[in-house]
Amino acid sequence: MNHTKNHSLINHNATHKCLALIIGILLWQMVSVFHNTSITLSLPIYLFNKEENRTYTAPEKVEVTISGTKNDLKTIDFSSLAIHLDAKKYADVYKNIIIVPRHLLLPPKIRITRVQPSNIVITTKKKSA
């Protein structure tokens, strides 16, 4: 009879352990979804509205670190992410540009935490005829 009592106690204890494990996993999932995380990407620079009579020189890629919750970062298509710059705004010979979230077309909850190089230099000049 003592054997059955011990067996019942072991099964009862195992049930509590399994329940505690499931609750722990669910709590960890809930916390990790709202936890901020960062990712560093090497992104190409895309100049739009280029004038045909000008040449533009800019770095090919920039290293950008973005941060946000895991849920917010999951909504981004990283394969199509690029830095979008309006070439008409940079018709001067020399222009220093600081990258901001609107250049990446990021959702409002995503922040840029680091850009390397921090200033992008774009040079333009008229093509010779």
N, C-alpha and C. Protein backbone atom coordinates (compact mmCIF):
# COMPACT_ATOMS: atom_id res chain seq x y z
N MET A 1 0.82 -1.18 0.00
CA MET A 1 0.00 0.00 0.00
C MET A 1 0.87 1.26 0.00
N ASN A 2 1.99 1.20 0.68
CA ASN A 2 2.92 2.30 0.73
C ASN A 2 3.48 2.58 -0.68
N HIS A 3 3.64 1.51 -1.47
CA HIS A 3 4.14 1.62 -2.84
C HIS A 3 3.19 2.45 -3.70
N THR A 4 1.87 2.26 -3.58
CA THR A 4 0.87 3.00 -4.36
C THR A 4 0.85 4.48 -3.94
N LYS A 5 1.04 4.73 -2.67
CA LYS A 5 1.04 6.11 -2.19
C LYS A 5 2.24 6.88 -2.78
N ASN A 6 3.40 6.24 -2.79
CA ASN A 6 4.59 6.87 -3.37
C ASN A 6 4.42 7.11 -4.86
N HIS A 7 3.84 6.14 -5.56
CA HIS A 7 3.61 6.25 -7.01
C HIS A 7 2.67 7.42 -7.30
N SER A 8 1.62 7.58 -6.49
CA SER A 8 0.66 8.68 -6.66
C SER A 8 1.35 10.02 -6.40
N LEU A 9 2.22 10.06 -5.39
CA LEU A 9 2.94 11.29 -5.07
C LEU A 9 3.88 11.67 -6.21
N ILE A 10 4.55 10.70 -6.81
CA ILE A 10 5.48 10.97 -7.93
C ILE A 10 4.70 11.49 -9.12
N ASN A 11 3.57 10.90 -9.47
CA ASN A 11 2.76 11.36 -10.59
C ASN A 11 2.22 12.77 -10.33
N HIS A 12 1.81 13.04 -9.10
CA HIS A 12 1.30 14.36 -8.74
C HIS A 12 2.40 15.40 -8.87
N ASN A 13 3.60 15.08 -8.41
CA ASN A 13 4.74 15.97 -8.48
C ASN A 13 5.14 16.21 -9.95
N ALA A 14 5.10 15.20 -10.79
CA ALA A 14 5.44 15.34 -12.21
C ALA A 14 4.44 16.26 -12.91
N THR A 15 3.18 16.16 -12.55
CA THR A 15 2.16 17.03 -13.13
C THR A 15 2.45 18.49 -12.78
N HIS A 16 2.82 18.73 -11.55
CA HIS A 16 3.16 20.10 -11.11
C HIS A 16 4.39 20.62 -11.86
N LYS A 17 5.37 19.76 -12.05
CA LYS A 17 6.59 20.15 -12.75
C LYS A 17 6.29 20.49 -14.22
N CYS A 18 5.48 19.67 -14.86
CA CYS A 18 5.11 19.93 -16.26
C CYS A 18 4.32 21.23 -16.38
N LEU A 19 3.40 21.44 -15.46
CA LEU A 19 2.61 22.68 -15.47
C LEU A 19 3.51 23.89 -15.26
N ALA A 20 4.46 23.79 -14.34
CA ALA A 20 5.40 24.89 -14.08
C ALA A 20 6.26 25.16 -15.31
N LEU A 21 6.68 24.11 -15.99
CA LEU A 21 7.49 24.26 -17.21
C LEU A 21 6.69 24.98 -18.30
N ILE A 22 5.44 24.58 -18.50
CA ILE A 22 4.59 25.22 -19.52
C ILE A 22 4.36 26.69 -19.18
N ILE A 23 4.08 26.99 -17.93
CA ILE A 23 3.87 28.39 -17.53
C ILE A 23 5.16 29.20 -17.73
N GLY A 24 6.30 28.61 -17.38
CA GLY A 24 7.58 29.29 -17.57
C GLY A 24 7.86 29.60 -19.03
N ILE A 25 7.60 28.64 -19.91
CA ILE A 25 7.80 28.86 -21.35
C ILE A 25 6.89 29.95 -21.87
N LEU A 26 5.62 29.94 -21.46
CA LEU A 26 4.68 30.97 -21.90
C LEU A 26 5.10 32.36 -21.41
N LEU A 27 5.54 32.47 -20.16
CA LEU A 27 6.01 33.75 -19.64
C LEU A 27 7.25 34.23 -20.39
N TRP A 28 8.18 33.32 -20.66
CA TRP A 28 9.40 33.68 -21.40
C TRP A 28 9.03 34.18 -22.80
N GLN A 29 8.09 33.53 -23.46
CA GLN A 29 7.63 33.96 -24.80
C GLN A 29 7.05 35.36 -24.74
N MET A 30 6.20 35.62 -23.75
CA MET A 30 5.56 36.94 -23.63
C MET A 30 6.59 38.03 -23.39
N VAL A 31 7.56 37.77 -22.53
CA VAL A 31 8.58 38.77 -22.22
C VAL A 31 9.50 38.99 -23.43
N SER A 32 9.88 37.92 -24.10
CA SER A 32 10.83 38.06 -25.21
C SER A 32 10.21 38.77 -26.41
N VAL A 33 8.92 38.69 -26.58
CA VAL A 33 8.25 39.37 -27.70
C VAL A 33 8.35 40.88 -27.54
N PHE A 34 8.28 41.38 -26.32
CA PHE A 34 8.31 42.81 -26.07
C PHE A 34 9.70 43.34 -25.72
N HIS A 35 10.68 42.46 -25.68
CA HIS A 35 12.05 42.85 -25.37
C HIS A 35 12.70 43.50 -26.59
N ASN A 36 13.35 44.66 -26.40
CA ASN A 36 14.03 45.32 -27.52
C ASN A 36 15.29 44.56 -27.89
N THR A 37 15.51 44.46 -29.17
CA THR A 37 16.70 43.80 -29.70
C THR A 37 17.25 44.62 -30.85
N SER A 38 18.49 44.39 -31.20
CA SER A 38 19.13 45.14 -32.28
C SER A 38 19.66 44.20 -33.34
N ILE A 39 19.78 44.74 -34.55
CA ILE A 39 20.37 43.99 -35.65
C ILE A 39 21.18 44.97 -36.49
N THR A 40 22.36 44.54 -36.92
CA THR A 40 23.22 45.37 -37.75
C THR A 40 23.20 44.83 -39.18
N LEU A 41 22.97 45.73 -40.13
CA LEU A 41 22.84 45.35 -41.53
C LEU A 41 23.75 46.20 -42.40
N SER A 42 24.22 45.62 -43.47
CA SER A 42 24.97 46.37 -44.48
C SER A 42 23.97 46.68 -45.59
N LEU A 43 23.61 47.96 -45.74
CA LEU A 43 22.53 48.33 -46.65
C LEU A 43 23.03 49.14 -47.84
N PRO A 44 22.48 48.87 -49.02
CA PRO A 44 22.86 49.67 -50.19
C PRO A 44 22.21 51.05 -50.16
N ILE A 45 22.84 51.99 -50.85
CA ILE A 45 22.28 53.32 -50.99
C ILE A 45 21.61 53.39 -52.35
N TYR A 46 20.35 53.81 -52.35
CA TYR A 46 19.58 53.94 -53.59
C TYR A 46 19.25 55.42 -53.79
N LEU A 47 19.77 56.00 -54.87
CA LEU A 47 19.46 57.39 -55.22
C LEU A 47 18.32 57.41 -56.23
N PHE A 48 17.26 58.12 -55.91
CA PHE A 48 16.15 58.25 -56.87
C PHE A 48 16.04 59.70 -57.30
N ASN A 49 15.28 59.96 -58.34
CA ASN A 49 15.14 61.30 -58.95
C ASN A 49 16.47 61.84 -59.46
N LYS A 50 17.28 60.96 -60.02
CA LYS A 50 18.56 61.40 -60.57
C LYS A 50 18.34 62.23 -61.83
N GLU A 51 19.14 63.24 -61.99
CA GLU A 51 19.11 64.02 -63.22
C GLU A 51 20.04 63.34 -64.23
N GLU A 52 19.58 63.23 -65.45
CA GLU A 52 20.36 62.51 -66.47
C GLU A 52 21.65 63.22 -66.84
N ASN A 53 21.70 64.53 -66.66
CA ASN A 53 22.90 65.27 -67.05
C ASN A 53 23.91 65.38 -65.89
N ARG A 54 23.76 64.57 -64.84
CA ARG A 54 24.67 64.61 -63.70
C ARG A 54 25.20 63.21 -63.40
N THR A 55 26.39 63.17 -62.83
CA THR A 55 26.92 61.93 -62.27
C THR A 55 26.90 62.05 -60.76
N TYR A 56 26.67 60.96 -60.09
CA TYR A 56 26.57 60.94 -58.63
C TYR A 56 27.58 59.94 -58.09
N THR A 57 28.27 60.35 -57.04
CA THR A 57 29.20 59.46 -56.38
C THR A 57 28.81 59.38 -54.90
N ALA A 58 28.61 58.14 -54.46
CA ALA A 58 28.21 57.90 -53.06
C ALA A 58 28.73 56.52 -52.67
N PRO A 59 28.86 56.27 -51.38
CA PRO A 59 29.26 54.92 -50.96
C PRO A 59 28.23 53.90 -51.44
N GLU A 60 28.70 52.69 -51.74
CA GLU A 60 27.76 51.65 -52.19
C GLU A 60 26.89 51.16 -51.05
N LYS A 61 27.51 50.95 -49.88
CA LYS A 61 26.78 50.41 -48.73
C LYS A 61 27.13 51.17 -47.47
N VAL A 62 26.20 51.11 -46.52
CA VAL A 62 26.38 51.72 -45.21
C VAL A 62 25.95 50.69 -44.17
N GLU A 63 26.68 50.62 -43.08
CA GLU A 63 26.33 49.71 -42.00
C GLU A 63 25.38 50.42 -41.05
N VAL A 64 24.20 49.84 -40.84
CA VAL A 64 23.16 50.46 -40.02
C VAL A 64 22.71 49.47 -38.95
N THR A 65 22.63 49.95 -37.72
CA THR A 65 22.09 49.14 -36.63
C THR A 65 20.71 49.70 -36.29
N ILE A 66 19.71 48.83 -36.33
CA ILE A 66 18.34 49.23 -35.99
C ILE A 66 17.90 48.44 -34.77
N SER A 67 16.96 49.01 -34.01
CA SER A 67 16.47 48.29 -32.84
C SER A 67 14.96 48.47 -32.71
N GLY A 68 14.37 47.50 -32.07
CA GLY A 68 12.93 47.49 -31.83
C GLY A 68 12.56 46.18 -31.18
N THR A 69 11.28 45.99 -30.94
CA THR A 69 10.85 44.72 -30.36
C THR A 69 10.97 43.63 -31.42
N LYS A 70 11.05 42.40 -30.96
CA LYS A 70 11.15 41.28 -31.91
C LYS A 70 9.95 41.27 -32.85
N ASN A 71 8.76 41.57 -32.32
CA ASN A 71 7.56 41.60 -33.16
C ASN A 71 7.68 42.66 -34.25
N ASP A 72 8.17 43.84 -33.90
CA ASP A 72 8.30 44.91 -34.88
C ASP A 72 9.38 44.58 -35.92
N LEU A 73 10.48 43.99 -35.48
CA LEU A 73 11.55 43.63 -36.42
C LEU A 73 11.12 42.52 -37.38
N LYS A 74 10.21 41.66 -36.93
CA LYS A 74 9.72 40.58 -37.80
C LYS A 74 8.91 41.11 -38.99
N THR A 75 8.40 42.33 -38.88
CA THR A 75 7.58 42.88 -39.96
C THR A 75 8.42 43.44 -41.11
N ILE A 76 9.74 43.54 -40.91
CA ILE A 76 10.61 44.15 -41.92
C ILE A 76 11.10 43.09 -42.90
N ASP A 77 11.05 43.44 -44.18
CA ASP A 77 11.64 42.59 -45.22
C ASP A 77 13.08 43.03 -45.40
N PHE A 78 14.02 42.37 -44.73
CA PHE A 78 15.41 42.78 -44.73
C PHE A 78 16.06 42.68 -46.11
N SER A 79 15.57 41.78 -46.95
CA SER A 79 16.17 41.61 -48.27
C SER A 79 15.92 42.81 -49.18
N SER A 80 14.86 43.57 -48.93
CA SER A 80 14.57 44.73 -49.79
C SER A 80 14.87 46.06 -49.08
N LEU A 81 15.47 46.01 -47.91
CA LEU A 81 15.78 47.22 -47.16
C LEU A 81 16.96 47.94 -47.80
N ALA A 82 16.82 49.25 -47.98
CA ALA A 82 17.88 50.08 -48.56
C ALA A 82 17.73 51.51 -48.03
N ILE A 83 18.78 52.29 -48.22
CA ILE A 83 18.74 53.70 -47.85
C ILE A 83 18.30 54.47 -49.08
N HIS A 84 17.15 55.12 -49.01
CA HIS A 84 16.56 55.83 -50.14
C HIS A 84 16.83 57.33 -50.00
N LEU A 85 17.57 57.88 -50.96
CA LEU A 85 17.90 59.30 -50.93
C LEU A 85 17.45 59.97 -52.21
N ASP A 86 16.81 61.12 -52.07
CA ASP A 86 16.33 61.89 -53.22
C ASP A 86 17.50 62.66 -53.80
N ALA A 87 17.94 62.28 -55.00
CA ALA A 87 19.12 62.89 -55.63
C ALA A 87 18.92 64.37 -55.93
N LYS A 88 17.68 64.80 -56.18
CA LYS A 88 17.43 66.22 -56.47
C LYS A 88 17.78 67.11 -55.29
N LYS A 89 17.69 66.58 -54.09
CA LYS A 89 18.04 67.37 -52.91
C LYS A 89 19.55 67.54 -52.78
N TYR A 90 20.29 66.73 -53.50
CA TYR A 90 21.74 66.75 -53.36
C TYR A 90 22.42 67.15 -54.66
N ALA A 91 21.89 68.19 -55.29
CA ALA A 91 22.44 68.65 -56.57
C ALA A 91 23.69 69.48 -56.39
N ASP A 92 24.04 69.83 -55.15
CA ASP A 92 25.28 70.56 -54.90
C ASP A 92 26.46 69.64 -55.22
N VAL A 93 27.61 70.23 -55.29
CA VAL A 93 28.81 69.46 -55.59
C VAL A 93 29.15 68.51 -54.44
N TYR A 94 28.92 68.93 -53.21
CA TYR A 94 29.32 68.16 -52.04
C TYR A 94 28.21 68.25 -51.00
N LYS A 95 27.79 67.11 -50.46
CA LYS A 95 26.70 67.14 -49.48
C LYS A 95 26.93 66.08 -48.42
N ASN A 96 26.87 66.47 -47.16
CA ASN A 96 26.93 65.56 -46.02
C ASN A 96 25.52 65.17 -45.63
N ILE A 97 25.25 63.90 -45.49
CA ILE A 97 23.89 63.45 -45.17
C ILE A 97 23.92 62.59 -43.92
N ILE A 98 23.03 62.89 -43.00
CA ILE A 98 22.86 62.06 -41.81
C ILE A 98 21.64 61.18 -42.05
N ILE A 99 21.81 59.88 -41.92
CA ILE A 99 20.74 58.92 -42.19
C ILE A 99 19.74 58.94 -41.04
N VAL A 100 18.46 59.03 -41.38
CA VAL A 100 17.36 59.01 -40.42
C VAL A 100 16.37 57.92 -40.83
N PRO A 101 15.44 57.52 -39.93
CA PRO A 101 14.53 56.41 -40.25
C PRO A 101 13.74 56.57 -41.55
N ARG A 102 13.38 57.80 -41.93
CA ARG A 102 12.60 57.95 -43.17
C ARG A 102 13.40 57.56 -44.41
N HIS A 103 14.73 57.63 -44.33
CA HIS A 103 15.57 57.18 -45.45
C HIS A 103 15.50 55.67 -45.67
N LEU A 104 15.14 54.94 -44.62
CA LEU A 104 15.05 53.49 -44.71
C LEU A 104 13.61 53.00 -44.89
N LEU A 105 12.66 53.91 -44.84
CA LEU A 105 11.24 53.57 -44.92
C LEU A 105 10.87 52.56 -43.83
N LEU A 106 11.33 52.85 -42.61
CA LEU A 106 11.09 51.96 -41.48
C LEU A 106 9.76 52.27 -40.80
N PRO A 107 9.15 51.26 -40.18
CA PRO A 107 7.96 51.53 -39.36
C PRO A 107 8.33 52.49 -38.22
N PRO A 108 7.38 53.25 -37.71
CA PRO A 108 7.68 54.27 -36.69
C PRO A 108 8.30 53.72 -35.40
N LYS A 109 8.03 52.48 -35.06
CA LYS A 109 8.53 51.93 -33.80
C LYS A 109 9.98 51.45 -33.89
N ILE A 110 10.53 51.39 -35.08
CA ILE A 110 11.92 50.94 -35.27
C ILE A 110 12.84 52.16 -35.20
N ARG A 111 13.92 52.04 -34.44
CA ARG A 111 14.86 53.15 -34.30
C ARG A 111 16.21 52.79 -34.93
N ILE A 112 16.87 53.81 -35.45
CA ILE A 112 18.25 53.64 -35.91
C ILE A 112 19.14 53.99 -34.73
N THR A 113 19.98 53.05 -34.32
CA THR A 113 20.85 53.30 -33.17
C THR A 113 22.28 53.61 -33.58
N ARG A 114 22.68 53.20 -34.79
CA ARG A 114 24.05 53.46 -35.23
C ARG A 114 24.12 53.42 -36.75
N VAL A 115 24.90 54.32 -37.33
CA VAL A 115 25.17 54.33 -38.77
C VAL A 115 26.68 54.50 -38.93
N GLN A 116 27.27 53.65 -39.78
CA GLN A 116 28.70 53.72 -40.02
C GLN A 116 28.96 53.71 -41.51
N PRO A 117 29.50 54.70 -42.12
CA PRO A 117 29.95 55.96 -41.53
C PRO A 117 28.75 56.81 -41.11
N SER A 118 28.96 57.66 -40.10
CA SER A 118 27.84 58.43 -39.54
C SER A 118 27.34 59.50 -40.51
N ASN A 119 28.22 60.04 -41.33
CA ASN A 119 27.83 61.00 -42.37
C ASN A 119 28.16 60.42 -43.73
N ILE A 120 27.20 60.46 -44.61
CA ILE A 120 27.42 59.97 -45.97
C ILE A 120 27.70 61.17 -46.86
N VAL A 121 28.72 61.05 -47.65
CA VAL A 121 29.07 62.14 -48.56
C VAL A 121 28.65 61.75 -49.97
N ILE A 122 27.85 62.63 -50.59
CA ILE A 122 27.44 62.45 -51.98
C ILE A 122 28.02 63.61 -52.77
N THR A 123 28.69 63.27 -53.83
CA THR A 123 29.20 64.32 -54.72
C THR A 123 28.48 64.19 -56.06
N THR A 124 28.20 65.32 -56.67
CA THR A 124 27.55 65.34 -57.98
C THR A 124 28.28 66.33 -58.87
N LYS A 125 28.24 66.03 -60.14
CA LYS A 125 28.76 67.03 -61.10
C LYS A 125 28.05 66.82 -62.42
N LYS A 126 28.00 67.89 -63.18
CA LYS A 126 27.36 67.82 -64.50
C LYS A 126 28.23 67.00 -65.43
N LYS A 127 27.57 66.18 -66.24
CA LYS A 127 28.29 65.40 -67.24
C LYS A 127 28.81 66.34 -68.33
N SER A 128 29.98 66.03 -68.80
CA SER A 128 30.51 66.83 -69.89
C SER A 128 29.86 66.39 -71.20
N ALA A 129 29.60 67.36 -72.07
CA ALA A 129 28.88 67.08 -73.30
C ALA A 129 29.68 66.42 -74.35
